[in-house]
C-alpha cells in the first residue's frame, strides 16, 4: 500500500488554516450544545415538556433573520454586533487567509437563515481589520 505524504508547503498551509479555525471551532461547539427537548420528570414521574429558550421571541435552536434585523446591519459593524442583532452566529461559508505581502486582510463570509422562508438566506461579508472582523457588504435572498 502506497501512502502519500503531503509536501512541507501543503502541510504548513494546512496547519496555518487549522490554527485560524481552532478558536472559532472551540467557541462554536460549546455554544451550539443541544438543549434537551423534555424536562426532567415531574414529581409524579411524568415527563414534562420543556419550553424552548427564547431569544427576542424566537426559539433559540432555529434563529432566523428578519428584514428589520437585516436593515440594522451596516458596513463597518463588528461581527459580534451583527451576531447580537441577528441572534445567531450563522454558518461560515468562506474564509480567505490574510496576505500581508499583497496588503490583503483576512476575509470571511457567513450565511444566516431568514424568517418565513425555507430557502431564503442572508450573506454577510467581513474583513479582519485591527484584529476584529467588520462588515464590508451584505446580500439577502428572501425566497
N, C-alpha and C. Protein backbone atom coordinates (compact mmCIF):
# COMPACT_ATOMS: atom_id res chain seq x y z
N UNK A 1 0.85 -1.18 0.00
CA UNK A 1 0.00 0.00 0.00
C UNK A 1 0.89 1.23 0.00
N UNK A 2 0.60 2.18 -0.87
CA UNK A 2 1.38 3.40 -1.01
C UNK A 2 0.73 4.51 -0.20
N UNK A 3 1.48 5.17 0.65
CA UNK A 3 0.98 6.30 1.44
C UNK A 3 1.53 7.59 0.86
N UNK A 4 0.65 8.54 0.60
CA UNK A 4 1.07 9.83 0.06
C UNK A 4 1.41 10.76 1.22
N UNK A 5 2.57 11.37 1.17
CA UNK A 5 2.95 12.32 2.20
C UNK A 5 2.79 13.72 1.64
N UNK A 6 2.15 14.63 2.38
CA UNK A 6 1.98 15.99 1.88
C UNK A 6 3.31 16.72 1.85
N UNK A 7 3.46 17.65 0.91
CA UNK A 7 4.67 18.45 0.84
C UNK A 7 4.73 19.35 2.06
N UNK A 8 5.91 19.85 2.38
CA UNK A 8 6.04 20.70 3.57
C UNK A 8 5.24 21.99 3.40
N UNK A 9 5.14 22.52 2.18
CA UNK A 9 4.36 23.74 1.95
C UNK A 9 2.87 23.47 2.18
N UNK A 10 2.36 22.32 1.69
CA UNK A 10 0.95 21.99 1.90
C UNK A 10 0.67 21.74 3.38
N UNK A 11 1.60 21.10 4.05
CA UNK A 11 1.44 20.84 5.48
C UNK A 11 1.42 22.16 6.25
N UNK A 12 2.32 23.08 5.91
CA UNK A 12 2.37 24.38 6.59
C UNK A 12 1.07 25.14 6.37
N UNK A 13 0.53 25.10 5.16
CA UNK A 13 -0.73 25.77 4.86
C UNK A 13 -1.87 25.16 5.66
N UNK A 14 -1.92 23.83 5.72
CA UNK A 14 -2.97 23.15 6.48
C UNK A 14 -2.89 23.50 7.96
N UNK A 15 -1.68 23.55 8.50
CA UNK A 15 -1.51 23.90 9.91
C UNK A 15 -1.92 25.35 10.17
N UNK A 16 -1.62 26.26 9.24
CA UNK A 16 -2.00 27.66 9.40
C UNK A 16 -3.51 27.81 9.39
N UNK A 17 -4.19 27.11 8.48
CA UNK A 17 -5.65 27.16 8.42
C UNK A 17 -6.25 26.58 9.70
N UNK A 18 -5.70 25.47 10.17
CA UNK A 18 -6.20 24.85 11.41
C UNK A 18 -6.04 25.80 12.59
N UNK A 19 -4.92 26.51 12.63
CA UNK A 19 -4.69 27.46 13.73
C UNK A 19 -5.70 28.60 13.68
N UNK A 20 -6.06 29.06 12.47
CA UNK A 20 -7.05 30.12 12.34
C UNK A 20 -8.44 29.66 12.76
N UNK A 21 -8.77 28.42 12.44
CA UNK A 21 -10.11 27.91 12.72
C UNK A 21 -10.30 27.41 14.14
N UNK A 22 -9.23 27.03 14.81
CA UNK A 22 -9.33 26.41 16.14
C UNK A 22 -10.13 27.25 17.14
N UNK A 23 -9.85 28.57 17.29
CA UNK A 23 -10.63 29.35 18.27
C UNK A 23 -12.11 29.40 17.93
N UNK A 24 -12.44 29.55 16.66
CA UNK A 24 -13.86 29.62 16.26
C UNK A 24 -14.56 28.30 16.49
N UNK A 25 -13.88 27.20 16.19
CA UNK A 25 -14.50 25.89 16.38
C UNK A 25 -14.69 25.59 17.86
N UNK A 26 -13.73 25.99 18.68
CA UNK A 26 -13.83 25.72 20.12
C UNK A 26 -15.01 26.47 20.72
N UNK A 27 -15.22 27.74 20.33
CA UNK A 27 -16.32 28.50 20.90
C UNK A 27 -17.65 28.11 20.30
N UNK A 28 -17.70 27.79 19.00
CA UNK A 28 -18.98 27.47 18.38
C UNK A 28 -19.51 26.13 18.85
N UNK A 29 -18.63 25.15 19.10
CA UNK A 29 -19.12 23.85 19.54
C UNK A 29 -19.69 23.92 20.95
N UNK A 30 -19.09 24.77 21.80
CA UNK A 30 -19.62 24.92 23.15
C UNK A 30 -20.96 25.65 23.13
N UNK A 31 -21.06 26.67 22.26
CA UNK A 31 -22.29 27.46 22.20
C UNK A 31 -23.42 26.69 21.53
N UNK A 32 -23.08 25.71 20.69
CA UNK A 32 -24.11 25.00 19.93
C UNK A 32 -24.55 23.70 20.59
N UNK A 33 -24.26 23.53 21.87
CA UNK A 33 -24.64 22.30 22.56
C UNK A 33 -26.16 22.17 22.54
N UNK A 34 -26.68 21.01 22.18
CA UNK A 34 -28.14 20.84 22.08
C UNK A 34 -28.81 20.93 23.44
N UNK A 35 -29.99 21.48 23.44
CA UNK A 35 -30.78 21.58 24.66
C UNK A 35 -31.76 20.41 24.68
N UNK A 36 -32.05 19.87 25.87
CA UNK A 36 -32.99 18.74 25.92
C UNK A 36 -34.39 19.18 25.49
N UNK A 37 -35.09 18.29 24.79
CA UNK A 37 -36.45 18.58 24.34
C UNK A 37 -37.46 18.33 25.45
N UNK A 38 -37.10 17.53 26.43
CA UNK A 38 -38.02 17.19 27.51
C UNK A 38 -37.33 17.47 28.84
N UNK A 39 -38.04 18.11 29.73
CA UNK A 39 -37.52 18.41 31.06
C UNK A 39 -37.50 17.14 31.91
N UNK A 40 -36.79 17.17 33.03
CA UNK A 40 -36.80 16.01 33.92
C UNK A 40 -38.24 15.68 34.35
N UNK A 41 -38.47 14.43 34.74
CA UNK A 41 -39.83 14.04 35.14
C UNK A 41 -40.36 14.88 36.29
N UNK A 42 -41.68 15.04 36.31
CA UNK A 42 -42.32 15.77 37.40
C UNK A 42 -42.29 14.90 38.65
N UNK A 43 -42.81 15.45 39.74
CA UNK A 43 -42.85 14.70 41.00
C UNK A 43 -43.66 13.42 40.84
N UNK A 44 -44.64 13.43 39.93
CA UNK A 44 -45.48 12.25 39.71
C UNK A 44 -44.80 11.26 38.77
N UNK A 45 -43.61 11.59 38.26
CA UNK A 45 -42.90 10.69 37.37
C UNK A 45 -43.23 10.87 35.90
N UNK A 46 -44.12 11.82 35.59
CA UNK A 46 -44.49 12.09 34.21
C UNK A 46 -43.48 13.03 33.57
N UNK A 47 -43.09 12.78 32.30
CA UNK A 47 -42.21 13.75 31.64
C UNK A 47 -42.94 15.07 31.42
N UNK A 48 -42.22 16.15 31.58
CA UNK A 48 -42.78 17.48 31.41
C UNK A 48 -42.13 18.11 30.19
N UNK A 49 -42.93 18.60 29.25
CA UNK A 49 -42.39 19.23 28.05
C UNK A 49 -41.68 20.52 28.44
N UNK A 50 -40.47 20.70 27.94
CA UNK A 50 -39.71 21.90 28.24
C UNK A 50 -40.03 22.97 27.20
N UNK A 51 -40.20 24.19 27.67
CA UNK A 51 -40.43 25.31 26.75
C UNK A 51 -39.11 25.67 26.08
N UNK A 52 -39.13 26.03 24.79
CA UNK A 52 -37.89 26.43 24.14
C UNK A 52 -37.34 27.70 24.75
N UNK A 53 -36.03 27.82 24.78
CA UNK A 53 -35.41 29.04 25.28
C UNK A 53 -35.60 30.10 24.20
N UNK A 54 -36.16 31.24 24.57
CA UNK A 54 -36.48 32.25 23.59
C UNK A 54 -35.40 33.33 23.51
N UNK A 55 -35.18 33.82 22.30
CA UNK A 55 -34.26 34.90 22.06
C UNK A 55 -35.04 35.94 21.27
N UNK A 56 -35.48 37.00 21.93
CA UNK A 56 -36.31 38.04 21.30
C UNK A 56 -37.54 37.43 20.63
N UNK A 57 -38.16 36.45 21.31
CA UNK A 57 -39.41 35.90 20.81
C UNK A 57 -39.25 34.75 19.83
N UNK A 58 -38.02 34.35 19.51
CA UNK A 58 -37.81 33.23 18.57
C UNK A 58 -37.17 32.07 19.32
N UNK A 59 -37.51 30.82 18.98
CA UNK A 59 -36.82 29.69 19.59
C UNK A 59 -35.34 29.77 19.26
N UNK A 60 -34.48 29.55 20.24
CA UNK A 60 -33.04 29.68 20.07
C UNK A 60 -32.45 28.62 19.16
N UNK A 61 -33.07 27.45 19.09
CA UNK A 61 -32.49 26.38 18.31
C UNK A 61 -32.64 26.62 16.80
N UNK A 62 -33.50 27.54 16.38
CA UNK A 62 -33.68 27.83 14.95
C UNK A 62 -33.79 29.33 14.75
N UNK A 63 -32.72 30.09 15.05
CA UNK A 63 -32.81 31.53 14.86
C UNK A 63 -32.88 31.88 13.37
N UNK A 64 -33.63 32.91 13.06
CA UNK A 64 -33.78 33.35 11.67
C UNK A 64 -33.80 34.87 11.64
N UNK A 65 -33.21 35.44 10.61
CA UNK A 65 -33.07 36.88 10.47
C UNK A 65 -34.34 37.48 9.88
N UNK A 66 -34.79 38.57 10.47
CA UNK A 66 -35.94 39.30 9.93
C UNK A 66 -35.43 40.41 9.01
N UNK A 67 -36.33 40.96 8.21
CA UNK A 67 -35.95 42.08 7.32
C UNK A 67 -35.49 43.29 8.13
N UNK A 68 -36.13 43.53 9.26
CA UNK A 68 -35.75 44.66 10.11
C UNK A 68 -34.33 44.46 10.66
N UNK A 69 -34.02 43.25 11.12
CA UNK A 69 -32.67 42.98 11.62
C UNK A 69 -31.64 43.16 10.50
N UNK A 70 -31.99 42.69 9.30
CA UNK A 70 -31.10 42.85 8.14
C UNK A 70 -30.81 44.33 7.88
N UNK A 71 -31.86 45.16 7.93
CA UNK A 71 -31.68 46.60 7.68
C UNK A 71 -30.78 47.25 8.72
N UNK A 72 -30.75 46.72 9.93
CA UNK A 72 -29.94 47.31 11.01
C UNK A 72 -28.43 47.08 10.83
N UNK A 73 -28.05 46.10 10.03
CA UNK A 73 -26.63 45.79 9.83
C UNK A 73 -26.03 46.78 8.83
N UNK A 74 -24.91 47.39 9.21
CA UNK A 74 -24.25 48.42 8.40
C UNK A 74 -22.79 48.09 8.16
N UNK A 75 -22.23 48.64 7.09
CA UNK A 75 -20.80 48.50 6.78
C UNK A 75 -19.99 49.04 7.97
N UNK A 76 -18.94 48.29 8.36
CA UNK A 76 -18.09 48.70 9.48
C UNK A 76 -18.53 48.14 10.83
N UNK A 77 -19.73 47.53 10.90
CA UNK A 77 -20.23 46.96 12.15
C UNK A 77 -19.43 45.71 12.50
N UNK A 78 -19.15 45.49 13.77
CA UNK A 78 -18.37 44.32 14.19
C UNK A 78 -19.19 43.05 14.04
N UNK A 79 -18.49 41.93 13.87
CA UNK A 79 -19.16 40.64 13.74
C UNK A 79 -19.93 40.31 15.01
N UNK A 80 -19.38 40.69 16.17
CA UNK A 80 -20.07 40.43 17.44
C UNK A 80 -21.40 41.19 17.49
N UNK A 81 -21.41 42.42 17.00
CA UNK A 81 -22.64 43.22 16.99
C UNK A 81 -23.67 42.61 16.02
N UNK A 82 -23.21 42.16 14.85
CA UNK A 82 -24.12 41.52 13.88
C UNK A 82 -24.76 40.30 14.51
N UNK A 83 -23.96 39.47 15.19
CA UNK A 83 -24.50 38.26 15.81
C UNK A 83 -25.48 38.61 16.91
N UNK A 84 -25.26 39.70 17.60
CA UNK A 84 -26.20 40.13 18.64
C UNK A 84 -27.52 40.59 17.99
N UNK A 85 -27.43 41.35 16.90
CA UNK A 85 -28.62 41.82 16.19
C UNK A 85 -29.40 40.63 15.62
N UNK A 86 -28.69 39.68 14.99
CA UNK A 86 -29.34 38.53 14.35
C UNK A 86 -29.76 37.46 15.35
N UNK A 87 -29.14 37.42 16.53
CA UNK A 87 -29.45 36.38 17.50
C UNK A 87 -28.81 35.05 17.17
N UNK A 88 -27.83 35.03 16.26
CA UNK A 88 -27.14 33.81 15.86
C UNK A 88 -25.80 34.17 15.23
N UNK A 89 -24.88 33.22 15.28
CA UNK A 89 -23.59 33.40 14.62
C UNK A 89 -23.63 32.90 13.18
N UNK A 90 -24.74 32.30 12.77
CA UNK A 90 -24.84 31.81 11.41
C UNK A 90 -23.83 30.70 11.13
N UNK A 91 -23.51 30.54 9.85
CA UNK A 91 -22.58 29.49 9.43
C UNK A 91 -21.53 30.10 8.52
N UNK A 92 -20.26 29.87 8.84
CA UNK A 92 -19.20 30.41 7.98
C UNK A 92 -19.22 29.66 6.66
N UNK A 93 -19.25 30.40 5.55
CA UNK A 93 -19.30 29.79 4.23
C UNK A 93 -18.04 30.07 3.42
N UNK A 94 -17.17 30.92 3.93
CA UNK A 94 -15.92 31.20 3.22
C UNK A 94 -14.91 31.83 4.15
N UNK A 95 -13.64 31.51 3.91
CA UNK A 95 -12.55 32.08 4.70
C UNK A 95 -11.33 32.21 3.80
N UNK A 96 -10.78 33.40 3.73
CA UNK A 96 -9.56 33.65 2.97
C UNK A 96 -8.53 34.22 3.94
N UNK A 97 -7.38 33.56 4.03
CA UNK A 97 -6.34 34.00 4.93
C UNK A 97 -5.75 35.33 4.46
N UNK A 98 -5.23 36.10 5.39
CA UNK A 98 -4.58 37.37 5.07
C UNK A 98 -3.32 37.11 4.24
N UNK A 99 -2.99 38.07 3.38
CA UNK A 99 -1.76 38.02 2.60
C UNK A 99 -1.05 39.36 2.81
N UNK A 100 -0.26 39.45 3.90
CA UNK A 100 0.39 40.73 4.23
C UNK A 100 1.29 41.26 3.12
N UNK A 101 1.93 40.36 2.37
CA UNK A 101 2.82 40.79 1.29
C UNK A 101 2.04 41.54 0.21
N UNK A 102 0.80 41.15 -0.02
CA UNK A 102 -0.04 41.80 -1.02
C UNK A 102 -0.92 42.88 -0.40
N UNK A 103 -0.82 43.05 0.92
CA UNK A 103 -1.65 44.05 1.60
C UNK A 103 -3.11 43.66 1.71
N UNK A 104 -3.40 42.34 1.65
CA UNK A 104 -4.77 41.85 1.71
C UNK A 104 -5.10 41.33 3.11
N UNK A 105 -6.13 41.87 3.76
CA UNK A 105 -6.54 41.36 5.08
C UNK A 105 -7.30 40.04 4.93
N UNK A 106 -7.46 39.34 6.04
CA UNK A 106 -8.26 38.11 6.05
C UNK A 106 -9.72 38.49 5.78
N UNK A 107 -10.44 37.57 5.12
CA UNK A 107 -11.84 37.81 4.79
C UNK A 107 -12.65 36.56 5.11
N UNK A 108 -13.92 36.77 5.44
CA UNK A 108 -14.81 35.63 5.62
C UNK A 108 -16.23 36.03 5.23
N UNK A 109 -17.02 35.02 4.90
CA UNK A 109 -18.44 35.25 4.65
C UNK A 109 -19.21 34.30 5.56
N UNK A 110 -20.38 34.75 5.99
CA UNK A 110 -21.24 33.94 6.86
C UNK A 110 -22.66 34.00 6.32
N UNK A 111 -23.35 32.88 6.42
CA UNK A 111 -24.72 32.77 5.95
C UNK A 111 -25.65 32.58 7.14
N UNK A 112 -26.82 33.24 7.06
CA UNK A 112 -27.81 33.19 8.12
C UNK A 112 -29.17 32.85 7.50
N UNK A 113 -29.97 32.06 8.20
CA UNK A 113 -31.33 31.73 7.73
C UNK A 113 -32.20 32.97 7.84
N UNK A 114 -33.25 33.04 7.01
CA UNK A 114 -34.19 34.15 7.11
C UNK A 114 -35.54 33.65 7.60
N UNK A 115 -36.23 34.52 8.29
CA UNK A 115 -37.52 34.17 8.86
C UNK A 115 -38.58 34.04 7.77
N UNK A 116 -39.40 33.00 7.88
CA UNK A 116 -40.53 32.83 6.98
C UNK A 116 -40.21 32.22 5.63
N UNK A 117 -39.01 31.65 5.46
CA UNK A 117 -38.65 31.07 4.18
C UNK A 117 -37.81 29.82 4.39
N UNK A 118 -38.14 28.78 3.64
CA UNK A 118 -37.35 27.56 3.72
C UNK A 118 -36.04 27.71 2.97
N UNK A 119 -36.02 28.53 1.90
CA UNK A 119 -34.84 28.62 1.03
C UNK A 119 -34.10 29.94 1.14
N UNK A 120 -34.68 30.93 1.79
CA UNK A 120 -34.04 32.24 1.87
C UNK A 120 -32.81 32.25 2.77
N UNK A 121 -31.94 33.22 2.54
CA UNK A 121 -30.74 33.35 3.36
C UNK A 121 -30.19 34.77 3.25
N UNK A 122 -29.40 35.14 4.23
CA UNK A 122 -28.66 36.40 4.25
C UNK A 122 -27.19 36.03 4.27
N UNK A 123 -26.39 36.71 3.46
CA UNK A 123 -24.95 36.52 3.49
C UNK A 123 -24.32 37.85 3.88
N UNK A 124 -23.41 37.79 4.87
CA UNK A 124 -22.67 38.98 5.29
C UNK A 124 -21.19 38.69 5.08
N UNK A 125 -20.51 39.66 4.47
CA UNK A 125 -19.08 39.54 4.17
C UNK A 125 -18.31 40.41 5.15
N UNK A 126 -17.24 39.83 5.70
CA UNK A 126 -16.43 40.52 6.71
C UNK A 126 -14.97 40.58 6.27
N UNK A 127 -14.27 41.58 6.79
CA UNK A 127 -12.83 41.69 6.62
C UNK A 127 -12.24 41.89 8.01
N UNK A 128 -11.04 41.35 8.22
CA UNK A 128 -10.42 41.48 9.54
C UNK A 128 -9.52 42.70 9.52
N UNK A 129 -9.88 43.69 10.34
CA UNK A 129 -9.09 44.91 10.46
C UNK A 129 -8.78 45.19 11.91
N UNK A 130 -7.53 45.41 12.22
CA UNK A 130 -7.10 45.70 13.60
C UNK A 130 -7.53 44.61 14.57
N UNK A 131 -7.53 43.37 14.12
CA UNK A 131 -7.84 42.25 15.00
C UNK A 131 -9.30 41.85 15.09
N UNK A 132 -10.23 42.73 14.67
CA UNK A 132 -11.64 42.35 14.75
C UNK A 132 -12.25 42.29 13.35
N UNK A 133 -13.27 41.46 13.22
CA UNK A 133 -13.98 41.28 11.95
C UNK A 133 -15.04 42.36 11.83
N UNK A 134 -15.10 43.04 10.66
CA UNK A 134 -16.10 44.07 10.42
C UNK A 134 -16.79 43.83 9.08
N UNK A 135 -18.04 44.29 8.98
CA UNK A 135 -18.85 44.11 7.77
C UNK A 135 -18.30 44.94 6.62
N UNK A 136 -18.20 44.31 5.44
CA UNK A 136 -17.85 45.05 4.23
C UNK A 136 -19.06 45.18 3.31
N UNK A 137 -19.89 44.14 3.26
CA UNK A 137 -21.11 44.19 2.45
C UNK A 137 -22.05 43.08 2.90
N UNK A 138 -23.27 43.13 2.40
CA UNK A 138 -24.28 42.13 2.76
C UNK A 138 -25.19 41.90 1.57
N UNK A 139 -25.86 40.76 1.56
CA UNK A 139 -26.81 40.43 0.50
C UNK A 139 -27.89 39.52 1.10
N UNK A 140 -29.09 39.58 0.52
CA UNK A 140 -30.19 38.75 1.02
C UNK A 140 -30.99 38.17 -0.12
N UNK A 141 -31.44 36.95 0.06
CA UNK A 141 -32.42 36.30 -0.81
C UNK A 141 -33.55 35.87 0.12
N UNK A 142 -34.69 36.51 -0.02
CA UNK A 142 -35.79 36.26 0.91
C UNK A 142 -36.67 35.11 0.49
N UNK A 143 -36.46 34.55 -0.72
CA UNK A 143 -37.14 33.41 -1.30
C UNK A 143 -38.01 32.69 -0.41
